[in-house]
Amino acid sequence: MYLIREAGPHYYSNSELYALLERLNSEEGEALRLNYRLFVLLASLTIWIAGFFLFEAFNVHWGANICFTLLVAKFLIFSVGIVYIHRRYRHFRFSSRLRMIIQQELERRRKDASIS
């Protein structure tokens, strides 16, 4: 994927470009699903924060301890998930640019083939 950005797509065959485009689409879908799950996890942190304060307000310390433990655990899971997504899907930030480069090259080749 990085070679397309560095050297350009003209070194790849059509089948390789279609395979790269398909791989890019599938990995982008996976990354978006993981991002959504992490967003839901992050949104659920507010529930545990509210639970912690409610339990503390009513002097139910064991409930506050459970809420605080779950709050910390979910925050750690969120942090690890973000690091995982950034390492596993490094080109995710540039996916729209890569897709545009590949599609432009495929369109250029289609036009060249129709002229010949």
PDB file of N, CA and C in Angstrom:
ATOM      1  N   MET A   1       0.820  -1.198   0.000  1.00  0.00           N
ATOM      2  CA  MET A   1       0.000   0.000   0.000  1.00  0.00           C
ATOM      3  C   MET A   1       0.866   1.265   0.000  1.00  0.00           C
ATOM      4  N   TYR A   2       1.965   1.204   0.736  1.00  0.00           N
ATOM      5  CA  TYR A   2       2.804   2.397   0.806  1.00  0.00           C
ATOM      6  C   TYR A   2       3.528   2.656  -0.513  1.00  0.00           C
ATOM      7  N   LEU A   3       3.775   1.585  -1.273  1.00  0.00           N
ATOM      8  CA  LEU A   3       4.459   1.777  -2.549  1.00  0.00           C
ATOM      9  C   LEU A   3       3.609   2.570  -3.533  1.00  0.00           C
ATOM     10  N   ILE A   4       2.306   2.449  -3.418  1.00  0.00           N
ATOM     11  CA  ILE A   4       1.437   3.228  -4.305  1.00  0.00           C
ATOM     12  C   ILE A   4       1.612   4.710  -4.022  1.00  0.00           C
ATOM     13  N   ARG A   5       1.672   5.051  -2.752  1.00  0.00           N
ATOM     14  CA  ARG A   5       1.870   6.468  -2.403  1.00  0.00           C
ATOM     15  C   ARG A   5       3.255   6.940  -2.779  1.00  0.00           C
ATOM     16  N   GLU A   6       4.254   6.084  -2.607  1.00  0.00           N
ATOM     17  CA  GLU A   6       5.642   6.484  -2.848  1.00  0.00           C
ATOM     18  C   GLU A   6       5.975   6.523  -4.342  1.00  0.00           C
ATOM     19  N   ALA A   7       5.719   5.402  -5.038  1.00  0.00           N
ATOM     20  CA  ALA A   7       6.173   5.281  -6.417  1.00  0.00           C
ATOM     21  C   ALA A   7       5.070   5.472  -7.441  1.00  0.00           C
ATOM     22  N   GLY A   8       3.840   5.330  -7.031  1.00  0.00           N
ATOM     23  CA  GLY A   8       2.733   5.472  -7.969  1.00  0.00           C
ATOM     24  C   GLY A   8       2.163   4.120  -8.367  1.00  0.00           C
ATOM     25  N   PRO A   9       0.942   4.115  -8.870  1.00  0.00           N
ATOM     26  CA  PRO A   9       0.271   2.854  -9.193  1.00  0.00           C
ATOM     27  C   PRO A   9       0.631   2.286 -10.564  1.00  0.00           C
ATOM     28  N   HIS A  10       1.399   3.009 -11.366  1.00  0.00           N
ATOM     29  CA  HIS A  10       1.673   2.546 -12.725  1.00  0.00           C
ATOM     30  C   HIS A  10       2.584   1.324 -12.767  1.00  0.00           C
ATOM     31  N   TYR A  11       3.180   0.917 -11.651  1.00  0.00           N
ATOM     32  CA  TYR A  11       4.024  -0.274 -11.605  1.00  0.00           C
ATOM     33  C   TYR A  11       3.220  -1.543 -11.360  1.00  0.00           C
ATOM     34  N   TYR A  12       1.936  -1.404 -11.087  1.00  0.00           N
ATOM     35  CA  TYR A  12       1.080  -2.544 -10.767  1.00  0.00           C
ATOM     36  C   TYR A  12       0.227  -2.921 -11.970  1.00  0.00           C
ATOM     37  N   SER A  13      -0.085  -4.217 -12.059  1.00  0.00           N
ATOM     38  CA  SER A  13      -1.005  -4.667 -13.102  1.00  0.00           C
ATOM     39  C   SER A  13      -2.438  -4.366 -12.670  1.00  0.00           C
ATOM     40  N   ASN A  14      -3.366  -4.518 -13.606  1.00  0.00           N
ATOM     41  CA  ASN A  14      -4.772  -4.259 -13.287  1.00  0.00           C
ATOM     42  C   ASN A  14      -5.277  -5.185 -12.191  1.00  0.00           C
ATOM     43  N   SER A  15      -4.929  -6.453 -12.285  1.00  0.00           N
ATOM     44  CA  SER A  15      -5.409  -7.407 -11.277  1.00  0.00           C
ATOM     45  C   SER A  15      -4.853  -7.070  -9.899  1.00  0.00           C
ATOM     46  N   GLU A  16      -3.604  -6.624  -9.846  1.00  0.00           N
ATOM     47  CA  GLU A  16      -3.029  -6.233  -8.557  1.00  0.00           C
ATOM     48  C   GLU A  16      -3.717  -4.990  -8.000  1.00  0.00           C
ATOM     49  N   LEU A  17      -4.040  -4.051  -8.866  1.00  0.00           N
ATOM     50  CA  LEU A  17      -4.732  -2.841  -8.409  1.00  0.00           C
ATOM     51  C   LEU A  17      -6.135  -3.162  -7.910  1.00  0.00           C
ATOM     52  N   TYR A  18      -6.842  -4.051  -8.613  1.00  0.00           N
ATOM     53  CA  TYR A  18      -8.173  -4.449  -8.141  1.00  0.00           C
ATOM     54  C   TYR A  18      -8.077  -5.188  -6.808  1.00  0.00           C
ATOM     55  N   ALA A  19      -7.047  -6.041  -6.662  1.00  0.00           N
ATOM     56  CA  ALA A  19      -6.858  -6.761  -5.396  1.00  0.00           C
ATOM     57  C   ALA A  19      -6.529  -5.787  -4.264  1.00  0.00           C
ATOM     58  N   LEU A  20      -5.698  -4.800  -4.549  1.00  0.00           N
ATOM     59  CA  LEU A  20      -5.368  -3.794  -3.536  1.00  0.00           C
ATOM     60  C   LEU A  20      -6.585  -2.962  -3.158  1.00  0.00           C
ATOM     61  N   LEU A  21      -7.402  -2.638  -4.141  1.00  0.00           N
ATOM     62  CA  LEU A  21      -8.619  -1.873  -3.874  1.00  0.00           C
ATOM     63  C   LEU A  21      -9.596  -2.681  -3.018  1.00  0.00           C
ATOM     64  N   GLU A  22      -9.718  -3.964  -3.323  1.00  0.00           N
ATOM     65  CA  GLU A  22     -10.589  -4.832  -2.522  1.00  0.00           C
ATOM     66  C   GLU A  22     -10.059  -4.973  -1.097  1.00  0.00           C
ATOM     67  N   ARG A  23      -8.747  -5.147  -0.972  1.00  0.00           N
ATOM     68  CA  ARG A  23      -8.135  -5.260   0.360  1.00  0.00           C
ATOM     69  C   ARG A  23      -8.310  -3.965   1.147  1.00  0.00           C
ATOM     70  N   LEU A  24      -8.135  -2.852   0.479  1.00  0.00           N
ATOM     71  CA  LEU A  24      -8.311  -1.552   1.122  1.00  0.00           C
ATOM     72  C   LEU A  24      -9.742  -1.384   1.621  1.00  0.00           C
ATOM     73  N   ASN A  25     -10.713  -1.776   0.804  1.00  0.00           N
ATOM     74  CA  ASN A  25     -12.116  -1.671   1.208  1.00  0.00           C
ATOM     75  C   ASN A  25     -12.429  -2.568   2.398  1.00  0.00           C
ATOM     76  N   SER A  26     -11.922  -3.800   2.384  1.00  0.00           N
ATOM     77  CA  SER A  26     -12.220  -4.711   3.495  1.00  0.00           C
ATOM     78  C   SER A  26     -11.543  -4.256   4.784  1.00  0.00           C
ATOM     79  N   GLU A  27     -10.295  -3.807   4.693  1.00  0.00           N
ATOM     80  CA  GLU A  27      -9.606  -3.350   5.897  1.00  0.00           C
ATOM     81  C   GLU A  27     -10.210  -2.056   6.428  1.00  0.00           C
ATOM     82  N   GLU A  28     -10.674  -1.209   5.531  1.00  0.00           N
ATOM     83  CA  GLU A  28     -11.323   0.019   5.981  1.00  0.00           C
ATOM     84  C   GLU A  28     -12.631  -0.307   6.703  1.00  0.00           C
ATOM     85  N   GLY A  29     -13.359  -1.285   6.189  1.00  0.00           N
ATOM     86  CA  GLY A  29     -14.589  -1.714   6.854  1.00  0.00           C
ATOM     87  C   GLY A  29     -14.325  -2.282   8.236  1.00  0.00           C
ATOM     88  N   GLU A  30     -13.276  -3.102   8.349  1.00  0.00           N
ATOM     89  CA  GLU A  30     -12.908  -3.656   9.655  1.00  0.00           C
ATOM     90  C   GLU A  30     -12.517  -2.546  10.627  1.00  0.00           C
ATOM     91  N   ALA A  31     -11.725  -1.608  10.159  1.00  0.00           N
ATOM     92  CA  ALA A  31     -11.283  -0.512  11.027  1.00  0.00           C
ATOM     93  C   ALA A  31     -12.462   0.351  11.466  1.00  0.00           C
ATOM     94  N   LEU A  32     -13.406   0.592  10.570  1.00  0.00           N
ATOM     95  CA  LEU A  32     -14.585   1.380  10.938  1.00  0.00           C
ATOM     96  C   LEU A  32     -15.446   0.646  11.963  1.00  0.00           C
ATOM     97  N   ARG A  33     -15.583  -0.681  11.810  1.00  0.00           N
ATOM     98  CA  ARG A  33     -16.344  -1.459  12.800  1.00  0.00           C
ATOM     99  C   ARG A  33     -15.667  -1.413  14.164  1.00  0.00           C
ATOM    100  N   LEU A  34     -14.341  -1.552  14.178  1.00  0.00           N
ATOM    101  CA  LEU A  34     -13.624  -1.475  15.450  1.00  0.00           C
ATOM    102  C   LEU A  34     -13.730  -0.081  16.057  1.00  0.00           C
ATOM    103  N   ASN A  35     -13.646   0.949  15.227  1.00  0.00           N
ATOM    104  CA  ASN A  35     -13.806   2.318  15.727  1.00  0.00           C
ATOM    105  C   ASN A  35     -15.178   2.521  16.341  1.00  0.00           C
ATOM    106  N   TYR A  36     -16.214   1.967  15.713  1.00  0.00           N
ATOM    107  CA  TYR A  36     -17.566   2.096  16.245  1.00  0.00           C
ATOM    108  C   TYR A  36     -17.677   1.391  17.594  1.00  0.00           C
ATOM    109  N   ARG A  37     -17.109   0.199  17.683  1.00  0.00           N
ATOM    110  CA  ARG A  37     -17.155  -0.532  18.958  1.00  0.00           C
ATOM    111  C   ARG A  37     -16.418   0.224  20.057  1.00  0.00           C
ATOM    112  N   LEU A  38     -15.299   0.815  19.714  1.00  0.00           N
ATOM    113  CA  LEU A  38     -14.564   1.595  20.708  1.00  0.00           C
ATOM    114  C   LEU A  38     -15.332   2.852  21.101  1.00  0.00           C
ATOM    115  N   PHE A  39     -16.050   3.443  20.160  1.00  0.00           N
ATOM    116  CA  PHE A  39     -16.877   4.600  20.482  1.00  0.00           C
ATOM    117  C   PHE A  39     -17.986   4.220  21.463  1.00  0.00           C
ATOM    118  N   VAL A  40     -18.624   3.077  21.234  1.00  0.00           N
ATOM    119  CA  VAL A  40     -19.667   2.607  22.151  1.00  0.00           C
ATOM    120  C   VAL A  40     -19.063   2.341  23.525  1.00  0.00           C
ATOM    121  N   LEU A  41     -17.874   1.745  23.549  1.00  0.00           N
ATOM    122  CA  LEU A  41     -17.193   1.491  24.817  1.00  0.00           C
ATOM    123  C   LEU A  41     -16.891   2.801  25.535  1.00  0.00           C
ATOM    124  N   LEU A  42     -16.434   3.791  24.796  1.00  0.00           N
ATOM    125  CA  LEU A  42     -16.134   5.090  25.394  1.00  0.00           C
ATOM    126  C   LEU A  42     -17.401   5.763  25.905  1.00  0.00           C
ATOM    127  N   ALA A  43     -18.486   5.634  25.165  1.00  0.00           N
ATOM    128  CA  ALA A  43     -19.750   6.224  25.604  1.00  0.00           C
ATOM    129  C   ALA A  43     -20.262   5.543  26.869  1.00  0.00           C
ATOM    130  N   SER A  44     -19.980   4.254  27.024  1.00  0.00           N
ATOM    131  CA  SER A  44     -20.449   3.541  28.219  1.00  0.00           C
ATOM    132  C   SER A  44     -19.676   3.951  29.474  1.00  0.00           C
ATOM    133  N   LEU A  45     -18.554   4.610  29.301  1.00  0.00           N
ATOM    134  CA  LEU A  45     -17.798   5.070  30.470  1.00  0.00           C
ATOM    135  C   LEU A  45     -18.606   6.058  31.298  1.00  0.00           C
ATOM    136  N   THR A  46     -19.447   6.837  30.645  1.00  0.00           N
ATOM    137  CA  THR A  46     -20.260   7.804  31.393  1.00  0.00           C
ATOM    138  C   THR A  46     -21.229   7.101  32.341  1.00  0.00           C
ATOM    139  N   ILE A  47     -21.701   5.930  31.947  1.00  0.00           N
ATOM    140  CA  ILE A  47     -22.594   5.162  32.824  1.00  0.00           C
ATOM    141  C   ILE A  47     -21.851   4.740  34.082  1.00  0.00           C
ATOM    142  N   TRP A  48     -20.621   4.271  33.909  1.00  0.00           N
ATOM    143  CA  TRP A  48     -19.848   3.819  35.074  1.00  0.00           C
ATOM    144  C   TRP A  48     -19.440   4.992  35.960  1.00  0.00           C
ATOM    145  N   ILE A  49     -19.171   6.149  35.355  1.00  0.00           N
ATOM    146  CA  ILE A  49     -18.859   7.339  36.157  1.00  0.00           C
ATOM    147  C   ILE A  49     -20.083   7.755  36.964  1.00  0.00           C
ATOM    148  N   ALA A  50     -21.244   7.771  36.308  1.00  0.00           N
ATOM    149  CA  ALA A  50     -22.480   8.129  37.018  1.00  0.00           C
ATOM    150  C   ALA A  50     -22.779   7.116  38.119  1.00  0.00           C
ATOM    151  N   GLY A  51     -22.588   5.839  37.821  1.00  0.00           N
ATOM    152  CA  GLY A  51     -22.803   4.809  38.837  1.00  0.00           C
ATOM    153  C   GLY A  51     -21.873   4.971  40.020  1.00  0.00           C
ATOM    154  N   PHE A  52     -20.627   5.300  39.732  1.00  0.00           N
ATOM    155  CA  PHE A  52     -19.659   5.509  40.805  1.00  0.00           C
ATOM    156  C   PHE A  52     -20.117   6.629  41.733  1.00  0.00           C
ATOM    157  N   PHE A  53     -20.508   7.767  41.150  1.00  0.00           N
ATOM    158  CA  PHE A  53     -20.936   8.894  41.984  1.00  0.00           C
ATOM    159  C   PHE A  53     -22.238   8.608  42.721  1.00  0.00           C
ATOM    160  N   LEU A  54     -23.150   7.891  42.091  1.00  0.00           N
ATOM    161  CA  LEU A  54     -24.395   7.537  42.775  1.00  0.00           C
ATOM    162  C   LEU A  54     -24.139   6.601  43.955  1.00  0.00           C
ATOM    163  N   PHE A  55     -23.312   5.590  43.737  1.00  0.00           N
ATOM    164  CA  PHE A  55     -22.994   4.671  44.834  1.00  0.00           C
ATOM    165  C   PHE A  55     -22.276   5.399  45.968  1.00  0.00           C
ATOM    166  N   GLU A  56     -21.382   6.307  45.618  1.00  0.00           N
ATOM    167  CA  GLU A  56     -20.687   7.078  46.653  1.00  0.00           C
ATOM    168  C   GLU A  56     -21.656   8.000  47.392  1.00  0.00           C
ATOM    169  N   ALA A  57     -22.610   8.572  46.683  1.00  0.00           N
ATOM    170  CA  ALA A  57     -23.578   9.471  47.325  1.00  0.00           C
ATOM    171  C   ALA A  57     -24.446   8.727  48.335  1.00  0.00           C
ATOM    172  N   PHE A  58     -24.732   7.458  48.046  1.00  0.00           N
ATOM    173  CA  PHE A  58     -25.560   6.662  48.953  1.00  0.00           C
ATOM    174  C   PHE A  58     -24.732   5.768  49.872  1.00  0.00           C
ATOM    175  N   ASN A  59     -23.423   6.016  49.929  1.00  0.00           N
ATOM    176  CA  ASN A  59     -22.491   5.282  50.792  1.00  0.00           C
ATOM    177  C   ASN A  59     -22.514   3.775  50.559  1.00  0.00           C
ATOM    178  N   VAL A  60     -22.651   3.375  49.324  1.00  0.00           N
ATOM    179  CA  VAL A  60     -22.552   1.957  48.954  1.00  0.00           C
ATOM    180  C   VAL A  60     -21.158   1.784  48.344  1.00  0.00           C
ATOM    181  N   HIS A  61     -20.186   1.546  49.222  1.00  0.00           N
ATOM    182  CA  HIS A  61     -18.788   1.560  48.792  1.00  0.00           C
ATOM    183  C   HIS A  61     -18.432   0.369  47.909  1.00  0.00           C
ATOM    184  N   TRP A  62     -19.044  -0.777  48.158  1.00  0.00           N
ATOM    185  CA  TRP A  62     -18.715  -1.923  47.309  1.00  0.00           C
ATOM    186  C   TRP A  62     -19.188  -1.674  45.868  1.00  0.00           C
ATOM    187  N   GLY A  63     -20.317  -1.013  45.697  1.00  0.00           N
ATOM    188  CA  GLY A  63     -20.807  -0.664  44.357  1.00  0.00           C
ATOM    189  C   GLY A  63     -19.917   0.365  43.685  1.00  0.00           C
ATOM    190  N   ALA A  64     -19.453   1.332  44.485  1.00  0.00           N
ATOM    191  CA  ALA A  64     -18.547   2.345  43.943  1.00  0.00           C
ATOM    192  C   ALA A  64     -17.229   1.707  43.522  1.00  0.00           C
ATOM    193  N   ASN A  65     -16.754   0.742  44.304  1.00  0.00           N
ATOM    194  CA  ASN A  65     -15.508   0.051  43.949  1.00  0.00           C
ATOM    195  C   ASN A  65     -15.662  -0.732  42.647  1.00  0.00           C
ATOM    196  N   ILE A  66     -16.801  -1.394  42.489  1.00  0.00           N
ATOM    197  CA  ILE A  66     -17.044  -2.147  41.255  1.00  0.00           C
ATOM    198  C   ILE A  66     -17.109  -1.195  40.060  1.00  0.00           C
ATOM    199  N   CYS A  67     -17.835  -0.105  40.213  1.00  0.00           N
ATOM    200  CA  CYS A  67     -17.947   0.870  39.118  1.00  0.00           C
ATOM    201  C   CYS A  67     -16.591   1.470  38.769  1.00  0.00           C
ATOM    202  N   PHE A  68     -15.808   1.785  39.776  1.00  0.00           N
ATOM    203  CA  PHE A  68     -14.495   2.368  39.512  1.00  0.00           C
ATOM    204  C   PHE A  68     -13.583   1.355  38.821  1.00  0.00           C
ATOM    205  N   THR A  69     -13.629   0.102  39.265  1.00  0.00           N
ATOM    206  CA  THR A  69     -12.809  -0.940  38.642  1.00  0.00           C
ATOM    207  C   THR A  69     -13.209  -1.136  37.180  1.00  0.00           C
ATOM    208  N   LEU A  70     -14.510  -1.183  36.919  1.00  0.00           N
ATOM    209  CA  LEU A  70     -14.973  -1.331  35.539  1.00  0.00           C
ATOM    210  C   LEU A  70     -14.635  -0.103  34.701  1.00  0.00           C
ATOM    211  N   LEU A  71     -14.680   1.061  35.310  1.00  0.00           N
ATOM    212  CA  LEU A  71     -14.320   2.293  34.616  1.00  0.00           C
ATOM    213  C   LEU A  71     -12.862   2.247  34.163  1.00  0.00           C
ATOM    214  N   VAL A  72     -11.989   1.869  35.067  1.00  0.00           N
ATOM    215  CA  VAL A  72     -10.562   1.792  34.733  1.00  0.00           C
ATOM    216  C   VAL A  72     -10.315   0.702  33.697  1.00  0.00           C
ATOM    217  N   ALA A  73     -10.964  -0.456  33.868  1.00  0.00           N
ATOM    218  CA  ALA A  73     -10.771  -1.565  32.929  1.00  0.00           C
ATOM    219  C   ALA A  73     -11.238  -1.178  31.525  1.00  0.00           C
ATOM    220  N   LYS A  74     -12.385  -0.557  31.428  1.00  0.00           N
ATOM    221  CA  LYS A  74     -12.891  -0.169  30.108  1.00  0.00           C
ATOM    222  C   LYS A  74     -12.033   0.925  29.479  1.00  0.00           C
ATOM    223  N   PHE A  75     -11.506   1.830  30.287  1.00  0.00           N
ATOM    224  CA  PHE A  75     -10.619   2.849  29.740  1.00  0.00           C
ATOM    225  C   PHE A  75      -9.334   2.214  29.211  1.00  0.00           C
ATOM    226  N   LEU A  76      -8.803   1.224  29.926  1.00  0.00           N
ATOM    227  CA  LEU A  76      -7.605   0.526  29.446  1.00  0.00           C
ATOM    228  C   LEU A  76      -7.896  -0.246  28.163  1.00  0.00           C
ATOM    229  N   ILE A  77      -9.055  -0.889  28.102  1.00  0.00           N
ATOM    230  CA  ILE A  77      -9.439  -1.603  26.881  1.00  0.00           C
ATOM    231  C   ILE A  77      -9.559  -0.624  25.717  1.00  0.00           C
ATOM    232  N   PHE A  78     -10.143   0.531  25.962  1.00  0.00           N
ATOM    233  CA  PHE A  78     -10.258   1.560  24.927  1.00  0.00           C
ATOM    234  C   PHE A  78      -8.875   2.001  24.452  1.00  0.00           C
ATOM    235  N   SER A  79      -7.963   2.239  25.379  1.00  0.00           N
ATOM    236  CA  SER A  79      -6.614   2.690  25.020  1.00  0.00           C
ATOM    237  C   SER A  79      -5.879   1.638  24.199  1.00  0.00           C
ATOM    238  N   VAL A  80      -5.974   0.389  24.622  1.00  0.00           N
ATOM    239  CA  VAL A  80      -5.328  -0.697  23.881  1.00  0.00           C
ATOM    240  C   VAL A  80      -5.963  -0.841  22.498  1.00  0.00           C
ATOM    241  N   GLY A  81      -7.273  -0.686  22.420  1.00  0.00           N
ATOM    242  CA  GLY A  81      -7.963  -0.776  21.133  1.00  0.00           C
ATOM    243  C   GLY A  81      -7.528   0.304  20.164  1.00  0.00           C
ATOM    244  N   ILE A  82      -7.357   1.511  20.654  1.00  0.00           N
ATOM    245  CA  ILE A  82      -6.903   2.609  19.789  1.00  0.00           C
ATOM    246  C   ILE A  82      -5.495   2.329  19.267  1.00  0.00           C
ATOM    247  N   VAL A  83      -4.616   1.874  20.144  1.00  0.00           N
ATOM    248  CA  VAL A  83      -3.250   1.548  19.718  1.00  0.00           C
ATOM    249  C   VAL A  83      -3.279   0.414  18.696  1.00  0.00           C
ATOM    250  N   TYR A  84      -4.118  -0.594  18.934  1.00  0.00           N
ATOM    251  CA  TYR A  84      -4.232  -1.722  18.008  1.00  0.00           C
ATOM    252  C   TYR A  84      -4.696  -1.258  16.630  1.00  0.00           C
ATOM    253  N   ILE A  85      -5.710  -0.423  16.592  1.00  0.00           N
ATOM    254  CA  ILE A  85      -6.222   0.053  15.302  1.00  0.00           C
ATOM    255  C   ILE A  85      -5.153   0.853  14.561  1.00  0.00           C
ATOM    256  N   HIS A  86      -4.439   1.694  15.280  1.00  0.00           N
ATOM    257  CA  HIS A  86      -3.423   2.516  14.613  1.00  0.00           C
ATOM    258  C   HIS A  86      -2.244   1.686  14.131  1.00  0.00           C
ATOM    259  N   ARG A  87      -1.951   0.590  14.791  1.00  0.00           N
ATOM    260  CA  ARG A  87      -0.840  -0.254  14.332  1.00  0.00           C
ATOM    261  C   ARG A  87      -1.275  -1.243  13.267  1.00  0.00           C
ATOM    262  N   ARG A  88      -2.455  -1.803  13.427  1.00  0.00           N
ATOM    263  CA  ARG A  88      -2.934  -2.823  12.488  1.00  0.00           C
ATOM    264  C   ARG A  88      -3.360  -2.205  11.162  1.00  0.00           C
ATOM    265  N   TYR A  89      -3.997  -1.062  11.217  1.00  0.00           N
ATOM    266  CA  TYR A  89      -4.513  -0.408  10.014  1.00  0.00           C
ATOM    267  C   TYR A  89      -3.812   0.934   9.842  1.00  0.00           C
ATOM    268  N   ARG A  90      -2.520   0.891   9.588  1.00  0.00           N
ATOM    269  CA  ARG A  90      -1.723   2.117   9.493  1.00  0.00           C
ATOM    270  C   ARG A  90      -2.147   2.997   8.327  1.00  0.00           C
ATOM    271  N   HIS A  91      -2.574   2.388   7.239  1.00  0.00           N
ATOM    272  CA  HIS A  91      -2.947   3.175   6.063  1.00  0.00           C
ATOM    273  C   HIS A  91      -4.392   3.652   6.130  1.00  0.00           C
ATOM    274  N   PHE A  92      -5.094   3.401   7.222  1.00  0.00           N
ATOM    275  CA  PHE A  92      -6.498   3.801   7.349  1.00  0.00           C
ATOM    276  C   PHE A  92      -6.664   5.313   7.212  1.00  0.00           C
ATOM    277  N   ARG A  93      -5.710   6.070   7.710  1.00  0.00           N
ATOM    278  CA  ARG A  93      -5.794   7.534   7.605  1.00  0.00           C
ATOM    279  C   ARG A  93      -5.730   8.001   6.161  1.00  0.00           C
ATOM    280  N   PHE A  94      -5.042   7.221   5.324  1.00  0.00           N
ATOM    281  CA  PHE A  94      -4.837   7.614   3.933  1.00  0.00           C
ATOM    282  C   PHE A  94      -5.705   6.806   2.975  1.00  0.00           C
ATOM    283  N   SER A  95      -6.697   6.093   3.495  1.00  0.00           N
ATOM    284  CA  SER A  95      -7.465   5.176   2.652  1.00  0.00           C
ATOM    285  C   SER A  95      -8.203   5.902   1.533  1.00  0.00           C
ATOM    286  N   SER A  96      -8.759   7.056   1.815  1.00  0.00           N
ATOM    287  CA  SER A  96      -9.479   7.770   0.751  1.00  0.00           C
ATOM    288  C   SER A  96      -8.512   8.232  -0.339  1.00  0.00           C
ATOM    289  N   ARG A  97      -7.338   8.671   0.054  1.00  0.00           N
ATOM    290  CA  ARG A  97      -6.326   9.100  -0.924  1.00  0.00           C
ATOM    291  C   ARG A  97      -5.834   7.909  -1.752  1.00  0.00           C
ATOM    292  N   LEU A  98      -5.565   6.774  -1.083  1.00  0.00           N
ATOM    293  CA  LEU A  98      -5.122   5.584  -1.807  1.00  0.00           C
ATOM    294  C   LEU A  98      -6.197   5.099  -2.771  1.00  0.00           C
ATOM    295  N   ARG A  99      -7.452   5.096  -2.320  1.00  0.00           N
ATOM    296  CA  ARG A  99      -8.550   4.659  -3.175  1.00  0.00           C
ATOM    297  C   ARG A  99      -8.647   5.570  -4.401  1.00  0.00           C
ATOM    298  N   MET A 100      -8.502   6.863  -4.202  1.00  0.00           N
ATOM    299  CA  MET A 100      -8.584   7.805  -5.313  1.00  0.00           C
ATOM    300  C   MET A 100      -7.443   7.569  -6.309  1.00  0.00           C
ATOM    301  N   ILE A 101      -6.234   7.332  -5.808  1.00  0.00           N
ATOM    302  CA  ILE A 101      -5.084   7.087  -6.683  1.00  0.00           C
ATOM    303  C   ILE A 101      -5.312   5.835  -7.520  1.00  0.00           C
ATOM    304  N   ILE A 102      -5.767   4.761  -6.871  1.00  0.00           N
ATOM    305  CA  ILE A 102      -5.991   3.498  -7.581  1.00  0.00           C
ATOM    306  C   ILE A 102      -7.110   3.652  -8.606  1.00  0.00           C
ATOM    307  N   GLN A 103      -8.204   4.275  -8.220  1.00  0.00           N
ATOM    308  CA  GLN A 103      -9.328   4.437  -9.145  1.00  0.00           C
ATOM    309  C   GLN A 103      -8.968   5.328 -10.329  1.00  0.00           C
ATOM    310  N   GLN A 104      -8.185   6.357 -10.099  1.00  0.00           N
ATOM    311  CA  GLN A 104      -7.757   7.214 -11.210  1.00  0.00           C
ATOM    312  C   GLN A 104      -6.873   6.444 -12.186  1.00  0.00           C
ATOM    313  N   GLU A 105      -5.984   5.614 -11.645  1.00  0.00           N
ATOM    314  CA  GLU A 105      -5.112   4.826 -12.515  1.00  0.00           C
ATOM    315  C   GLU A 105      -5.920   3.804 -13.317  1.00  0.00           C
ATOM    316  N   LEU A 106      -6.880   3.155 -12.671  1.00  0.00           N
ATOM    317  CA  LEU A 106      -7.714   2.184 -13.389  1.00  0.00           C
ATOM    318  C   LEU A 106      -8.559   2.874 -14.456  1.00  0.00           C
ATOM    319  N   GLU A 107      -9.070   4.054 -14.155  1.00  0.00           N
ATOM    320  CA  GLU A 107      -9.852   4.814 -15.136  1.00  0.00           C
ATOM    321  C   GLU A 107      -8.968   5.251 -16.306  1.00  0.00           C
ATOM    322  N   ARG A 108      -7.757   5.681 -16.015  1.00  0.00           N
ATOM    323  CA  ARG A 108      -6.826   6.074 -17.074  1.00  0.00           C
ATOM    324  C   ARG A 108      -6.519   4.885 -17.980  1.00  0.00           C
ATOM    325  N   ARG A 109      -6.320   3.714 -17.386  1.00  0.00           N
ATOM    326  CA  ARG A 109      -6.039   2.519 -18.185  1.00  0.00           C
ATOM    327  C   ARG A 109      -7.253   2.122 -19.025  1.00  0.00           C
ATOM    328  N   ARG A 110      -8.457   2.283 -18.485  1.00  0.00           N
ATOM    329  CA  ARG A 110      -9.667   1.976 -19.254  1.00  0.00           C
ATOM    330  C   ARG A 110      -9.777   2.896 -20.471  1.00  0.00           C
ATOM    331  N   LYS A 111      -9.488   4.160 -20.266  1.00  0.00           N
ATOM    332  CA  LYS A 111      -9.554   5.113 -21.379  1.00  0.00           C
ATOM    333  C   LYS A 111      -8.486   4.809 -22.421  1.00  0.00           C
ATOM    334  N   ASP A 112      -7.267   4.462 -21.958  1.00  0.00           N
ATOM    335  CA  ASP A 112      -6.196   4.112 -22.890  1.00  0.00           C
ATOM    336  C   ASP A 112      -6.549   2.866 -23.687  1.00  0.00           C
ATOM    337  N   ALA A 113      -7.203   1.907 -23.046  1.00  0.00           N
ATOM    338  CA  ALA A 113      -7.580   0.674 -23.737  1.00  0.00           C
ATOM    339  C   ALA A 113      -8.691   0.930 -24.747  1.00  0.00           C
ATOM    340  N   SER A 114      -9.589   1.850 -24.446  1.00  0.00           N
ATOM    341  CA  SER A 114     -10.686   2.128 -25.381  1.00  0.00           C
ATOM    342  C   SER A 114     -10.206   2.925 -26.590  1.00  0.00           C
ATOM    343  N   ILE A 115      -9.145   3.693 -26.431  1.00  0.00           N
ATOM    344  CA  ILE A 115      -8.591   4.472 -27.544  1.00  0.00           C
ATOM    345  C   ILE A 115      -7.851   3.562 -28.516  1.00  0.00           C
ATOM    346  N   SER A 116      -7.168   2.563 -27.970  1.00  0.00           N
ATOM    347  CA  SER A 116      -6.350   1.684 -28.824  1.00  0.00           C
ATOM    348  C   SER A 116      -7.158   0.817 -29.730  1.00  0.00           C
TER     349      SER A 116
END
